[in-house]
Amino acid sequence: MLLSLLMSTVGLFTSLSTKVSFVLVLLYQGLVRSFCHFNHDEMVAVYFLAVLAFVPCGDAFSLDHWTKRRQPNEPKFAYGYPVLLMQLLLAWVYFSSALIKLRVSGMKYLSPDNLPRLAIIHSLDNLHDTSFRYAFWLPQVRGLLPIVVVLVVLWELIFPLAIFWPRSRWWILGFGVVFHIATLFVMNIFFPYQLAMYLIFVDWERLGAWINRGA
């Protein structure tokens, strides 16, 4: 599995290696999680693999391209829609997260004691990524926490704007970086894969052109 993922990453035998990666990661998740563990950090990455397995993702920036010296020959749409699809998948993760919170808990989710309770519960066991104890400071500032929770829920709801309104993109993604780092220290939960998937929003062609101008 790791070998196929490495080959997919560098773009070696991309058409085959991406499909093998998708199948093996799906099998691995099933063995480890028994297909019943809700994890929007890892599972969205599986969906990304499903997309990459069936699109021409190795036509340009890859070892396949450099060794075969073959120019991309698909229409631009073939390279653009997979990026849009993965952006939609990531945005839906955040948007649906907010909807679930409001549907299940309603306005109780915004209560001053909800965040301290959740954070302290996550800090009392040994089954999380880290063992920070900053959660025990939260009751001291419980009056301010509903404002923080409202901001987080609103951020999740407007996350799709990062797709359709580029000017808002870096503010939304920047808030996401701060949010995930905060959850690491306060709730001992970290989503590094999800943060890495923010790279799907980078306009690599524009970035490359900007670097070339600077050079």
N, C-alpha and C. Protein backbone atom coordinates (compact mmCIF):
# COMPACT_ATOMS: atom_id res chain seq x y z
N MET A 1 0.81 -1.19 0.00
CA MET A 1 0.00 0.00 0.00
C MET A 1 0.86 1.26 0.00
N LEU A 2 1.86 1.28 0.87
CA LEU A 2 2.74 2.45 0.94
C LEU A 2 3.52 2.64 -0.36
N LEU A 3 3.95 1.53 -0.96
CA LEU A 3 4.68 1.62 -2.22
C LEU A 3 3.78 2.19 -3.32
N SER A 4 2.55 1.73 -3.38
CA SER A 4 1.64 2.25 -4.41
C SER A 4 1.32 3.72 -4.17
N LEU A 5 1.19 4.11 -2.91
CA LEU A 5 0.95 5.53 -2.60
C LEU A 5 2.14 6.38 -2.99
N LEU A 6 3.36 5.88 -2.75
CA LEU A 6 4.55 6.62 -3.15
C LEU A 6 4.62 6.76 -4.67
N MET A 7 4.32 5.67 -5.37
CA MET A 7 4.32 5.74 -6.83
C MET A 7 3.25 6.70 -7.35
N SER A 8 2.11 6.71 -6.70
CA SER A 8 1.06 7.64 -7.10
C SER A 8 1.48 9.08 -6.85
N THR A 9 2.18 9.31 -5.74
CA THR A 9 2.59 10.66 -5.38
C THR A 9 3.59 11.23 -6.38
N VAL A 10 4.55 10.42 -6.79
CA VAL A 10 5.57 10.90 -7.73
C VAL A 10 5.12 10.75 -9.17
N GLY A 11 4.00 10.08 -9.40
CA GLY A 11 3.47 9.95 -10.75
C GLY A 11 4.17 8.90 -11.58
N LEU A 12 4.41 7.74 -10.98
CA LEU A 12 5.06 6.64 -11.70
C LEU A 12 4.00 5.57 -11.98
N PHE A 13 3.85 5.21 -13.27
CA PHE A 13 2.78 4.29 -13.69
C PHE A 13 1.45 4.74 -13.08
N THR A 14 1.16 6.01 -13.27
CA THR A 14 0.08 6.66 -12.53
C THR A 14 -1.27 6.00 -12.75
N SER A 15 -1.56 5.64 -13.97
CA SER A 15 -2.88 5.06 -14.25
C SER A 15 -3.12 3.81 -13.43
N LEU A 16 -2.08 3.00 -13.23
CA LEU A 16 -2.21 1.77 -12.45
C LEU A 16 -2.03 2.03 -10.96
N SER A 17 -0.99 2.79 -10.59
CA SER A 17 -0.67 2.95 -9.17
C SER A 17 -1.76 3.68 -8.40
N THR A 18 -2.45 4.62 -9.03
CA THR A 18 -3.53 5.33 -8.32
C THR A 18 -4.70 4.39 -8.04
N LYS A 19 -5.00 3.50 -8.96
CA LYS A 19 -6.10 2.55 -8.75
C LYS A 19 -5.73 1.54 -7.67
N VAL A 20 -4.49 1.07 -7.69
CA VAL A 20 -4.04 0.14 -6.65
C VAL A 20 -4.06 0.83 -5.29
N SER A 21 -3.62 2.08 -5.24
CA SER A 21 -3.64 2.83 -3.98
C SER A 21 -5.05 2.94 -3.43
N PHE A 22 -5.98 3.27 -4.31
CA PHE A 22 -7.37 3.43 -3.86
C PHE A 22 -7.91 2.12 -3.28
N VAL A 23 -7.69 1.01 -3.96
CA VAL A 23 -8.21 -0.28 -3.50
C VAL A 23 -7.56 -0.69 -2.18
N LEU A 24 -6.24 -0.53 -2.08
CA LEU A 24 -5.54 -0.97 -0.87
C LEU A 24 -5.86 -0.09 0.33
N VAL A 25 -5.97 1.22 0.10
CA VAL A 25 -6.32 2.12 1.21
C VAL A 25 -7.75 1.83 1.67
N LEU A 26 -8.65 1.57 0.73
CA LEU A 26 -10.02 1.23 1.10
C LEU A 26 -10.05 -0.05 1.93
N LEU A 27 -9.26 -1.05 1.53
CA LEU A 27 -9.17 -2.30 2.29
C LEU A 27 -8.56 -2.05 3.67
N TYR A 28 -7.51 -1.23 3.71
CA TYR A 28 -6.86 -0.91 4.98
C TYR A 28 -7.82 -0.22 5.94
N GLN A 29 -8.56 0.76 5.44
CA GLN A 29 -9.53 1.45 6.28
C GLN A 29 -10.59 0.48 6.80
N GLY A 30 -10.99 -0.46 5.94
CA GLY A 30 -11.98 -1.43 6.38
C GLY A 30 -11.46 -2.34 7.47
N LEU A 31 -10.19 -2.73 7.37
CA LEU A 31 -9.60 -3.60 8.39
C LEU A 31 -9.39 -2.87 9.71
N VAL A 32 -8.92 -1.63 9.60
CA VAL A 32 -8.59 -0.87 10.82
C VAL A 32 -9.84 -0.29 11.45
N ARG A 33 -10.75 0.25 10.61
CA ARG A 33 -11.92 0.96 11.14
C ARG A 33 -13.20 0.14 11.09
N SER A 34 -13.15 -1.03 10.44
CA SER A 34 -14.32 -1.90 10.29
C SER A 34 -15.47 -1.17 9.58
N PHE A 35 -15.15 -0.15 8.80
CA PHE A 35 -16.14 0.59 8.01
C PHE A 35 -17.22 1.23 8.89
N CYS A 36 -16.96 1.40 10.17
CA CYS A 36 -17.99 1.98 11.03
C CYS A 36 -17.46 3.16 11.83
N HIS A 37 -16.21 3.55 11.61
CA HIS A 37 -15.63 4.67 12.35
C HIS A 37 -15.81 5.94 11.54
N PHE A 38 -16.54 6.91 12.09
CA PHE A 38 -16.75 8.17 11.39
C PHE A 38 -15.53 9.04 11.58
N ASN A 39 -14.84 9.30 10.50
CA ASN A 39 -13.63 10.11 10.58
C ASN A 39 -13.54 10.94 9.31
N HIS A 40 -13.91 12.21 9.40
CA HIS A 40 -13.92 13.04 8.20
C HIS A 40 -12.54 13.53 7.83
N ASP A 41 -11.53 13.13 8.57
CA ASP A 41 -10.16 13.45 8.20
C ASP A 41 -9.64 12.40 7.22
N GLU A 42 -9.78 11.13 7.57
CA GLU A 42 -9.24 10.06 6.73
C GLU A 42 -10.17 9.71 5.57
N MET A 43 -11.47 9.73 5.80
CA MET A 43 -12.39 9.24 4.77
C MET A 43 -12.43 10.16 3.56
N VAL A 44 -12.31 11.46 3.77
CA VAL A 44 -12.31 12.35 2.60
C VAL A 44 -11.07 12.10 1.75
N ALA A 45 -9.98 11.67 2.38
CA ALA A 45 -8.78 11.31 1.62
C ALA A 45 -9.03 10.08 0.75
N VAL A 46 -9.85 9.15 1.24
CA VAL A 46 -10.22 7.98 0.43
C VAL A 46 -11.01 8.43 -0.79
N TYR A 47 -11.91 9.37 -0.61
CA TYR A 47 -12.67 9.90 -1.75
C TYR A 47 -11.76 10.60 -2.74
N PHE A 48 -10.76 11.32 -2.22
CA PHE A 48 -9.77 11.95 -3.11
C PHE A 48 -9.06 10.89 -3.95
N LEU A 49 -8.69 9.80 -3.32
CA LEU A 49 -8.02 8.71 -4.05
C LEU A 49 -8.93 8.14 -5.12
N ALA A 50 -10.22 8.03 -4.82
CA ALA A 50 -11.17 7.52 -5.81
C ALA A 50 -11.23 8.43 -7.03
N VAL A 51 -11.17 9.73 -6.79
CA VAL A 51 -11.17 10.69 -7.90
C VAL A 51 -9.89 10.55 -8.72
N LEU A 52 -8.75 10.55 -8.03
CA LEU A 52 -7.46 10.52 -8.73
C LEU A 52 -7.26 9.22 -9.50
N ALA A 53 -7.90 8.14 -9.05
CA ALA A 53 -7.72 6.85 -9.70
C ALA A 53 -8.31 6.81 -11.10
N PHE A 54 -9.23 7.71 -11.40
CA PHE A 54 -9.94 7.63 -12.67
C PHE A 54 -9.87 8.91 -13.49
N VAL A 55 -8.84 9.71 -13.23
CA VAL A 55 -8.63 10.93 -14.02
C VAL A 55 -7.17 10.96 -14.47
N PRO A 56 -6.85 11.74 -15.50
CA PRO A 56 -5.46 11.79 -16.00
C PRO A 56 -4.55 12.67 -15.14
N CYS A 57 -4.37 12.27 -13.87
CA CYS A 57 -3.62 13.12 -12.94
C CYS A 57 -2.11 13.01 -13.13
N GLY A 58 -1.64 12.09 -13.97
CA GLY A 58 -0.20 11.95 -14.17
C GLY A 58 0.29 12.48 -15.49
N ASP A 59 -0.51 13.36 -16.14
CA ASP A 59 -0.15 13.81 -17.49
C ASP A 59 0.87 14.94 -17.52
N ALA A 60 1.09 15.63 -16.40
CA ALA A 60 1.99 16.79 -16.44
C ALA A 60 3.08 16.70 -15.39
N PHE A 61 2.77 17.03 -14.16
CA PHE A 61 3.78 17.08 -13.10
C PHE A 61 3.95 15.67 -12.52
N SER A 62 4.73 14.84 -13.21
CA SER A 62 4.88 13.45 -12.79
C SER A 62 6.11 12.84 -13.46
N LEU A 63 6.56 11.72 -12.90
CA LEU A 63 7.66 10.99 -13.53
C LEU A 63 7.24 10.41 -14.87
N ASP A 64 5.98 10.03 -14.98
CA ASP A 64 5.48 9.51 -16.26
C ASP A 64 5.66 10.55 -17.37
N HIS A 65 5.35 11.79 -17.05
CA HIS A 65 5.45 12.86 -18.05
C HIS A 65 6.91 13.13 -18.40
N TRP A 66 7.77 13.16 -17.39
CA TRP A 66 9.18 13.51 -17.64
C TRP A 66 9.93 12.39 -18.36
N THR A 67 9.55 11.15 -18.11
CA THR A 67 10.26 10.04 -18.76
C THR A 67 9.76 9.80 -20.18
N LYS A 68 8.46 9.98 -20.39
CA LYS A 68 7.90 9.73 -21.72
C LYS A 68 7.89 10.97 -22.61
N ARG A 69 8.11 12.14 -21.98
CA ARG A 69 8.12 13.40 -22.73
C ARG A 69 6.83 13.55 -23.54
N ARG A 70 5.74 13.18 -22.93
CA ARG A 70 4.46 13.24 -23.62
C ARG A 70 3.65 14.41 -23.07
N GLN A 71 3.17 15.25 -23.94
CA GLN A 71 2.41 16.41 -23.53
C GLN A 71 0.98 16.02 -23.18
N PRO A 72 0.37 16.68 -22.21
CA PRO A 72 -1.03 16.41 -21.90
C PRO A 72 -1.89 16.60 -23.14
N ASN A 73 -2.71 15.61 -23.44
CA ASN A 73 -3.51 15.66 -24.66
C ASN A 73 -5.01 15.62 -24.40
N GLU A 74 -5.40 15.79 -23.16
CA GLU A 74 -6.82 15.82 -22.84
C GLU A 74 -7.32 17.28 -22.88
N PRO A 75 -8.60 17.49 -23.08
CA PRO A 75 -9.13 18.86 -23.00
C PRO A 75 -8.97 19.42 -21.59
N LYS A 76 -8.90 20.74 -21.48
CA LYS A 76 -8.67 21.36 -20.18
C LYS A 76 -9.72 20.94 -19.15
N PHE A 77 -10.93 20.67 -19.63
CA PHE A 77 -11.99 20.26 -18.72
C PHE A 77 -11.61 18.98 -17.97
N ALA A 78 -10.88 18.09 -18.62
CA ALA A 78 -10.50 16.82 -18.00
C ALA A 78 -9.56 17.03 -16.83
N TYR A 79 -8.82 18.13 -16.83
CA TYR A 79 -7.91 18.41 -15.72
C TYR A 79 -8.53 19.35 -14.69
N GLY A 80 -9.55 20.07 -15.10
CA GLY A 80 -10.17 21.03 -14.18
C GLY A 80 -11.26 20.43 -13.32
N TYR A 81 -12.09 19.55 -13.90
CA TYR A 81 -13.22 19.06 -13.11
C TYR A 81 -12.80 18.18 -11.93
N PRO A 82 -11.71 17.37 -12.01
CA PRO A 82 -11.31 16.62 -10.81
C PRO A 82 -10.92 17.53 -9.65
N VAL A 83 -10.26 18.64 -9.98
CA VAL A 83 -9.89 19.59 -8.93
C VAL A 83 -11.14 20.17 -8.28
N LEU A 84 -12.09 20.59 -9.12
CA LEU A 84 -13.35 21.12 -8.59
C LEU A 84 -14.07 20.08 -7.77
N LEU A 85 -14.08 18.82 -8.21
CA LEU A 85 -14.77 17.77 -7.48
C LEU A 85 -14.14 17.56 -6.11
N MET A 86 -12.82 17.57 -6.03
CA MET A 86 -12.17 17.38 -4.73
C MET A 86 -12.38 18.59 -3.83
N GLN A 87 -12.43 19.79 -4.40
CA GLN A 87 -12.76 20.97 -3.60
C GLN A 87 -14.17 20.86 -3.03
N LEU A 88 -15.10 20.38 -3.85
CA LEU A 88 -16.48 20.21 -3.38
C LEU A 88 -16.56 19.16 -2.27
N LEU A 89 -15.80 18.08 -2.41
CA LEU A 89 -15.79 17.05 -1.38
C LEU A 89 -15.30 17.60 -0.04
N LEU A 90 -14.21 18.36 -0.08
CA LEU A 90 -13.66 18.92 1.15
C LEU A 90 -14.60 19.95 1.75
N ALA A 91 -15.18 20.79 0.90
CA ALA A 91 -16.11 21.79 1.39
C ALA A 91 -17.34 21.14 2.01
N TRP A 92 -17.81 20.04 1.40
CA TRP A 92 -18.99 19.36 1.93
C TRP A 92 -18.72 18.77 3.31
N VAL A 93 -17.49 18.33 3.56
CA VAL A 93 -17.14 17.80 4.88
C VAL A 93 -17.39 18.85 5.96
N TYR A 94 -16.92 20.07 5.71
CA TYR A 94 -17.10 21.13 6.71
C TYR A 94 -18.55 21.57 6.79
N PHE A 95 -19.18 21.78 5.64
CA PHE A 95 -20.56 22.25 5.62
C PHE A 95 -21.49 21.26 6.31
N SER A 96 -21.34 19.98 5.99
CA SER A 96 -22.20 18.96 6.60
C SER A 96 -21.92 18.81 8.09
N SER A 97 -20.67 19.07 8.50
CA SER A 97 -20.34 19.01 9.92
C SER A 97 -21.15 20.03 10.70
N ALA A 98 -21.27 21.24 10.16
CA ALA A 98 -22.08 22.27 10.81
C ALA A 98 -23.55 21.88 10.83
N LEU A 99 -24.04 21.33 9.72
CA LEU A 99 -25.44 20.92 9.66
C LEU A 99 -25.75 19.84 10.68
N ILE A 100 -24.84 18.87 10.82
CA ILE A 100 -25.06 17.79 11.78
C ILE A 100 -25.10 18.33 13.21
N LYS A 101 -24.19 19.25 13.53
CA LYS A 101 -24.18 19.83 14.87
C LYS A 101 -25.49 20.52 15.18
N LEU A 102 -25.98 21.31 14.23
CA LEU A 102 -27.22 22.05 14.45
C LEU A 102 -28.44 21.13 14.45
N ARG A 103 -28.40 20.07 13.61
CA ARG A 103 -29.55 19.16 13.55
C ARG A 103 -29.65 18.30 14.80
N VAL A 104 -28.50 17.83 15.30
CA VAL A 104 -28.51 16.92 16.45
C VAL A 104 -28.66 17.67 17.76
N SER A 105 -27.91 18.75 17.92
CA SER A 105 -27.88 19.46 19.21
C SER A 105 -28.70 20.73 19.22
N GLY A 106 -28.96 21.28 18.04
CA GLY A 106 -29.69 22.55 17.99
C GLY A 106 -28.91 23.67 18.66
N MET A 107 -29.62 24.57 19.28
CA MET A 107 -28.98 25.72 19.93
C MET A 107 -28.22 25.31 21.19
N LYS A 108 -28.47 24.09 21.69
CA LYS A 108 -27.72 23.63 22.86
C LYS A 108 -26.23 23.51 22.56
N TYR A 109 -25.91 23.33 21.28
CA TYR A 109 -24.50 23.23 20.90
C TYR A 109 -23.74 24.50 21.22
N LEU A 110 -24.45 25.62 21.30
CA LEU A 110 -23.82 26.92 21.54
C LEU A 110 -23.78 27.29 23.02
N SER A 111 -24.18 26.38 23.88
CA SER A 111 -24.21 26.69 25.31
C SER A 111 -22.79 26.87 25.85
N PRO A 112 -22.62 27.67 26.90
CA PRO A 112 -21.28 27.94 27.44
C PRO A 112 -20.56 26.70 27.95
N ASP A 113 -21.30 25.67 28.32
CA ASP A 113 -20.67 24.49 28.92
C ASP A 113 -20.39 23.38 27.92
N ASN A 114 -20.88 23.51 26.70
CA ASN A 114 -20.74 22.42 25.75
C ASN A 114 -19.29 22.19 25.33
N LEU A 115 -18.61 23.25 24.91
CA LEU A 115 -17.21 23.10 24.48
C LEU A 115 -16.31 22.64 25.62
N PRO A 116 -16.38 23.24 26.83
CA PRO A 116 -15.54 22.71 27.92
C PRO A 116 -15.81 21.24 28.23
N ARG A 117 -17.09 20.84 28.17
CA ARG A 117 -17.43 19.44 28.46
C ARG A 117 -16.79 18.51 27.43
N LEU A 118 -16.94 18.83 26.15
CA LEU A 118 -16.37 17.99 25.10
C LEU A 118 -14.84 17.95 25.19
N ALA A 119 -14.25 19.13 25.39
CA ALA A 119 -12.79 19.20 25.43
C ALA A 119 -12.22 18.42 26.61
N ILE A 120 -12.88 18.52 27.76
CA ILE A 120 -12.38 17.82 28.95
C ILE A 120 -12.55 16.32 28.79
N ILE A 121 -13.67 15.88 28.19
CA ILE A 121 -13.86 14.45 27.95
C ILE A 121 -12.74 13.92 27.06
N HIS A 122 -12.41 14.67 26.02
CA HIS A 122 -11.33 14.24 25.12
C HIS A 122 -9.96 14.28 25.80
N SER A 123 -9.85 15.01 26.89
CA SER A 123 -8.55 15.15 27.57
C SER A 123 -8.39 14.17 28.71
N LEU A 124 -9.42 13.41 29.04
CA LEU A 124 -9.35 12.51 30.18
C LEU A 124 -8.98 11.07 29.80
N ASP A 125 -8.98 10.78 28.49
CA ASP A 125 -8.64 9.41 28.11
C ASP A 125 -7.26 9.40 27.44
N ASN A 126 -6.84 8.23 27.03
CA ASN A 126 -5.52 8.08 26.40
C ASN A 126 -5.65 7.57 24.97
N LEU A 127 -6.80 7.83 24.34
CA LEU A 127 -7.05 7.31 23.00
C LEU A 127 -7.02 8.40 21.95
N HIS A 128 -6.37 9.50 22.26
CA HIS A 128 -6.31 10.60 21.31
C HIS A 128 -4.87 10.87 20.90
N ASP A 129 -4.73 11.81 19.95
CA ASP A 129 -3.42 12.04 19.33
C ASP A 129 -2.40 12.58 20.32
N THR A 130 -2.85 13.41 21.26
CA THR A 130 -1.94 14.04 22.21
C THR A 130 -2.56 13.99 23.60
N SER A 131 -1.88 14.55 24.56
CA SER A 131 -2.36 14.52 25.96
C SER A 131 -2.25 15.89 26.61
N PHE A 132 -2.60 16.93 25.86
CA PHE A 132 -2.58 18.27 26.43
C PHE A 132 -3.71 18.44 27.44
N ARG A 133 -3.53 19.37 28.36
CA ARG A 133 -4.51 19.59 29.42
C ARG A 133 -5.06 21.02 29.42
N TYR A 134 -4.95 21.69 28.28
CA TYR A 134 -5.45 23.06 28.20
C TYR A 134 -6.97 23.13 28.30
N ALA A 135 -7.64 22.01 28.06
CA ALA A 135 -9.10 22.00 28.14
C ALA A 135 -9.59 22.39 29.53
N PHE A 136 -8.80 22.11 30.55
CA PHE A 136 -9.24 22.40 31.91
C PHE A 136 -9.21 23.89 32.22
N TRP A 137 -8.66 24.70 31.32
CA TRP A 137 -8.70 26.15 31.49
C TRP A 137 -10.00 26.75 30.95
N LEU A 138 -10.70 26.00 30.10
CA LEU A 138 -11.86 26.56 29.40
C LEU A 138 -12.98 27.01 30.34
N PRO A 139 -13.29 26.28 31.43
CA PRO A 139 -14.37 26.77 32.31
C PRO A 139 -14.14 28.18 32.84
N GLN A 140 -12.89 28.61 32.90
CA GLN A 140 -12.60 29.96 33.40
C GLN A 140 -13.04 31.05 32.43
N VAL A 141 -13.19 30.67 31.14
CA VAL A 141 -13.61 31.66 30.14
C VAL A 141 -14.89 31.21 29.45
N ARG A 142 -15.73 30.46 30.17
CA ARG A 142 -16.92 29.87 29.57
C ARG A 142 -17.86 30.92 28.96
N GLY A 143 -17.86 32.14 29.49
CA GLY A 143 -18.75 33.17 28.98
C GLY A 143 -18.43 33.59 27.56
N LEU A 144 -17.16 33.42 27.16
CA LEU A 144 -16.74 33.81 25.82
C LEU A 144 -16.86 32.67 24.81
N LEU A 145 -17.01 31.46 25.28
CA LEU A 145 -16.96 30.30 24.40
C LEU A 145 -18.11 30.22 23.40
N PRO A 146 -19.35 30.63 23.75
CA PRO A 146 -20.40 30.62 22.71
C PRO A 146 -20.04 31.44 21.49
N ILE A 147 -19.32 32.54 21.67
CA ILE A 147 -18.90 33.36 20.54
C ILE A 147 -17.93 32.58 19.67
N VAL A 148 -17.01 31.88 20.31
CA VAL A 148 -16.04 31.06 19.57
C VAL A 148 -16.75 29.96 18.79
N VAL A 149 -17.70 29.29 19.43
CA VAL A 149 -18.42 28.19 18.78
C VAL A 149 -19.25 28.71 17.61
N VAL A 150 -19.89 29.86 17.78
CA VAL A 150 -20.67 30.45 16.69
C VAL A 150 -19.77 30.75 15.50
N LEU A 151 -18.58 31.32 15.76
CA LEU A 151 -17.64 31.62 14.68
C LEU A 151 -17.22 30.35 13.94
N VAL A 152 -16.99 29.28 14.69
CA VAL A 152 -16.59 28.02 14.06
C VAL A 152 -17.71 27.46 13.19
N VAL A 153 -18.94 27.47 13.71
CA VAL A 153 -20.08 26.94 12.95
C VAL A 153 -20.31 27.77 11.69
N LEU A 154 -20.23 29.10 11.82
CA LEU A 154 -20.39 29.97 10.65
C LEU A 154 -19.29 29.71 9.62
N TRP A 155 -18.06 29.51 10.11
CA TRP A 155 -16.94 29.21 9.21
C TRP A 155 -17.19 27.91 8.44
N GLU A 156 -17.69 26.90 9.14
CA GLU A 156 -18.00 25.64 8.46
C GLU A 156 -19.10 25.82 7.41
N LEU A 157 -20.10 26.63 7.74
CA LEU A 157 -21.21 26.83 6.81
C LEU A 157 -20.78 27.59 5.55
N ILE A 158 -19.84 28.53 5.71
CA ILE A 158 -19.44 29.34 4.54
C ILE A 158 -18.22 28.77 3.84
N PHE A 159 -17.73 27.62 4.29
CA PHE A 159 -16.53 27.05 3.67
C PHE A 159 -16.67 26.89 2.16
N PRO A 160 -17.85 26.52 1.62
CA PRO A 160 -17.98 26.41 0.16
C PRO A 160 -17.65 27.70 -0.60
N LEU A 161 -17.69 28.84 0.08
CA LEU A 161 -17.32 30.09 -0.60
C LEU A 161 -15.87 30.06 -1.07
N ALA A 162 -15.04 29.24 -0.42
CA ALA A 162 -13.64 29.15 -0.83
C ALA A 162 -13.51 28.62 -2.26
N ILE A 163 -14.54 27.93 -2.73
CA ILE A 163 -14.52 27.42 -4.10
C ILE A 163 -14.95 28.49 -5.09
N PHE A 164 -16.02 29.19 -4.76
CA PHE A 164 -16.67 30.06 -5.73
C PHE A 164 -16.29 31.54 -5.58
N TRP A 165 -15.64 31.89 -4.49
CA TRP A 165 -15.25 33.29 -4.27
C TRP A 165 -13.77 33.31 -3.87
N PRO A 166 -12.88 33.36 -4.84
CA PRO A 166 -11.43 33.24 -4.56
C PRO A 166 -10.92 34.26 -3.54
N ARG A 167 -11.50 35.45 -3.50
CA ARG A 167 -11.01 36.45 -2.54
C ARG A 167 -11.20 36.02 -1.09
N SER A 168 -12.18 35.17 -0.86
CA SER A 168 -12.42 34.71 0.51
C SER A 168 -11.60 33.48 0.86
N ARG A 169 -10.96 32.90 -0.15
CA ARG A 169 -10.32 31.59 0.01
C ARG A 169 -9.28 31.59 1.11
N TRP A 170 -8.36 32.54 1.11
CA TRP A 170 -7.25 32.49 2.05
C TRP A 170 -7.68 32.83 3.46
N TRP A 171 -8.75 33.64 3.59
CA TRP A 171 -9.30 33.89 4.93
C TRP A 171 -9.93 32.62 5.49
N ILE A 172 -10.69 31.92 4.66
CA ILE A 172 -11.37 30.70 5.11
C ILE A 172 -10.35 29.60 5.43
N LEU A 173 -9.37 29.42 4.54
CA LEU A 173 -8.36 28.39 4.78
C LEU A 173 -7.47 28.76 5.96
N GLY A 174 -7.15 30.05 6.11
CA GLY A 174 -6.34 30.50 7.25
C GLY A 174 -7.05 30.24 8.57
N PHE A 175 -8.35 30.51 8.60
CA PHE A 175 -9.13 30.21 9.80
C PHE A 175 -9.10 28.71 10.08
N GLY A 176 -9.15 27.90 9.00
CA GLY A 176 -9.10 26.45 9.18
C GLY A 176 -7.80 25.98 9.80
N VAL A 177 -6.68 26.57 9.38
CA VAL A 177 -5.39 26.20 9.96
C VAL A 177 -5.38 26.52 11.46
N VAL A 178 -5.85 27.72 11.81
CA VAL A 178 -5.91 28.12 13.23
C VAL A 178 -6.84 27.18 14.01
N PHE A 179 -7.98 26.86 13.41
CA PHE A 179 -8.96 25.99 14.08
C PHE A 179 -8.37 24.61 14.37
N HIS A 180 -7.72 24.01 13.38
CA HIS A 180 -7.20 22.66 13.58
C HIS A 180 -6.02 22.62 14.55
N ILE A 181 -5.22 23.67 14.55
CA ILE A 181 -4.14 23.73 15.54
C ILE A 181 -4.73 23.90 16.94
N ALA A 182 -5.79 24.70 17.05
CA ALA A 182 -6.43 24.90 18.35
C ALA A 182 -7.05 23.60 18.87
N THR A 183 -7.68 22.82 17.97
CA THR A 183 -8.26 21.55 18.42
C THR A 183 -7.19 20.57 18.89
N LEU A 184 -5.99 20.69 18.33
CA LEU A 184 -4.89 19.83 18.77
C LEU A 184 -4.58 20.09 20.24
N PHE A 185 -4.48 21.35 20.62
CA PHE A 185 -4.08 21.69 21.99
C PHE A 185 -5.25 21.62 22.98
N VAL A 186 -6.45 21.93 22.51
CA VAL A 186 -7.59 22.01 23.43
C VAL A 186 -8.34 20.68 23.52
N MET A 187 -8.49 19.98 22.37
CA MET A 187 -9.28 18.75 22.35
C MET A 187 -8.45 17.51 22.06
N ASN A 188 -7.15 17.67 21.86
CA ASN A 188 -6.25 16.54 21.57
C ASN A 188 -6.66 15.78 20.32
N ILE A 189 -7.24 16.49 19.38
CA ILE A 189 -7.63 15.92 18.09
C ILE A 189 -6.96 16.75 16.99
N PHE A 190 -6.30 16.07 16.07
CA PHE A 190 -5.60 16.79 15.01
C PHE A 190 -5.97 16.17 13.67
N PHE A 191 -6.08 17.00 12.66
CA PHE A 191 -6.45 16.54 11.32
C PHE A 191 -5.38 16.94 10.32
N PRO A 192 -4.19 16.35 10.39
CA PRO A 192 -3.12 16.75 9.48
C PRO A 192 -3.42 16.44 8.02
N TYR A 193 -4.12 15.32 7.77
CA TYR A 193 -4.44 14.98 6.39
C TYR A 193 -5.40 16.00 5.79
N GLN A 194 -6.33 16.45 6.61
CA GLN A 194 -7.28 17.43 6.12
C GLN A 194 -6.59 18.75 5.82
N LEU A 195 -5.65 19.14 6.66
CA LEU A 195 -4.89 20.36 6.40
C LEU A 195 -4.08 20.21 5.11
N ALA A 196 -3.49 19.04 4.89
CA ALA A 196 -2.73 18.82 3.66
C ALA A 196 -3.63 18.94 2.44
N MET A 197 -4.89 18.54 2.58
CA MET A 197 -5.81 18.62 1.46
C MET A 197 -6.22 20.05 1.11
N TYR A 198 -5.87 21.01 1.97
CA TYR A 198 -6.09 22.42 1.61
C TYR A 198 -5.31 22.79 0.35
N LEU A 199 -4.25 22.03 0.06
CA LEU A 199 -3.44 22.33 -1.12
C LEU A 199 -4.23 22.22 -2.42
N ILE A 200 -5.39 21.57 -2.38
CA ILE A 200 -6.21 21.45 -3.57
C ILE A 200 -6.75 22.81 -4.01
N PHE A 201 -6.71 23.78 -3.11
CA PHE A 201 -7.21 25.12 -3.43
C PHE A 201 -6.12 26.03 -4.00
N VAL A 202 -4.89 25.57 -4.03
CA VAL A 202 -3.79 26.38 -4.57
C VAL A 202 -3.86 26.38 -6.09
N ASP A 203 -3.76 27.56 -6.68
CA ASP A 203 -3.69 27.68 -8.14
C ASP A 203 -2.23 27.49 -8.54
N TRP A 204 -1.86 26.26 -8.84
CA TRP A 204 -0.45 25.93 -9.07
C TRP A 204 0.09 26.60 -10.33
N GLU A 205 -0.74 26.76 -11.36
CA GLU A 205 -0.27 27.42 -12.57
C GLU A 205 0.08 28.87 -12.30
N ARG A 206 -0.79 29.55 -11.56
CA ARG A 206 -0.51 30.95 -11.21
C ARG A 206 0.70 31.05 -10.32
N LEU A 207 0.82 30.12 -9.36
CA LEU A 207 1.98 30.14 -8.47
C LEU A 207 3.26 29.92 -9.26
N GLY A 208 3.24 28.97 -10.21
CA GLY A 208 4.42 28.72 -11.03
C GLY A 208 4.79 29.93 -11.87
N ALA A 209 3.78 30.60 -12.43
CA ALA A 209 4.04 31.80 -13.23
C ALA A 209 4.63 32.90 -12.37
N TRP A 210 4.14 33.04 -11.14
CA TRP A 210 4.67 34.07 -10.23
C TRP A 210 6.12 33.78 -9.87
N ILE A 211 6.44 32.48 -9.64
CA ILE A 211 7.82 32.12 -9.32
C ILE A 211 8.73 32.39 -10.51
N ASN A 212 8.25 32.09 -11.71
CA ASN A 212 9.06 32.33 -12.90
C ASN A 212 9.32 33.81 -13.13
N ARG A 213 8.31 34.63 -12.84
CA ARG A 213 8.52 36.08 -12.97
C ARG A 213 9.55 36.57 -11.99
N GLY A 214 9.52 36.01 -10.76
CA GLY A 214 10.49 36.43 -9.75
C GLY A 214 11.90 35.96 -10.09
N ALA A 215 12.00 34.81 -10.78
CA ALA A 215 13.31 34.30 -11.15
C ALA A 215 13.89 35.10 -12.31
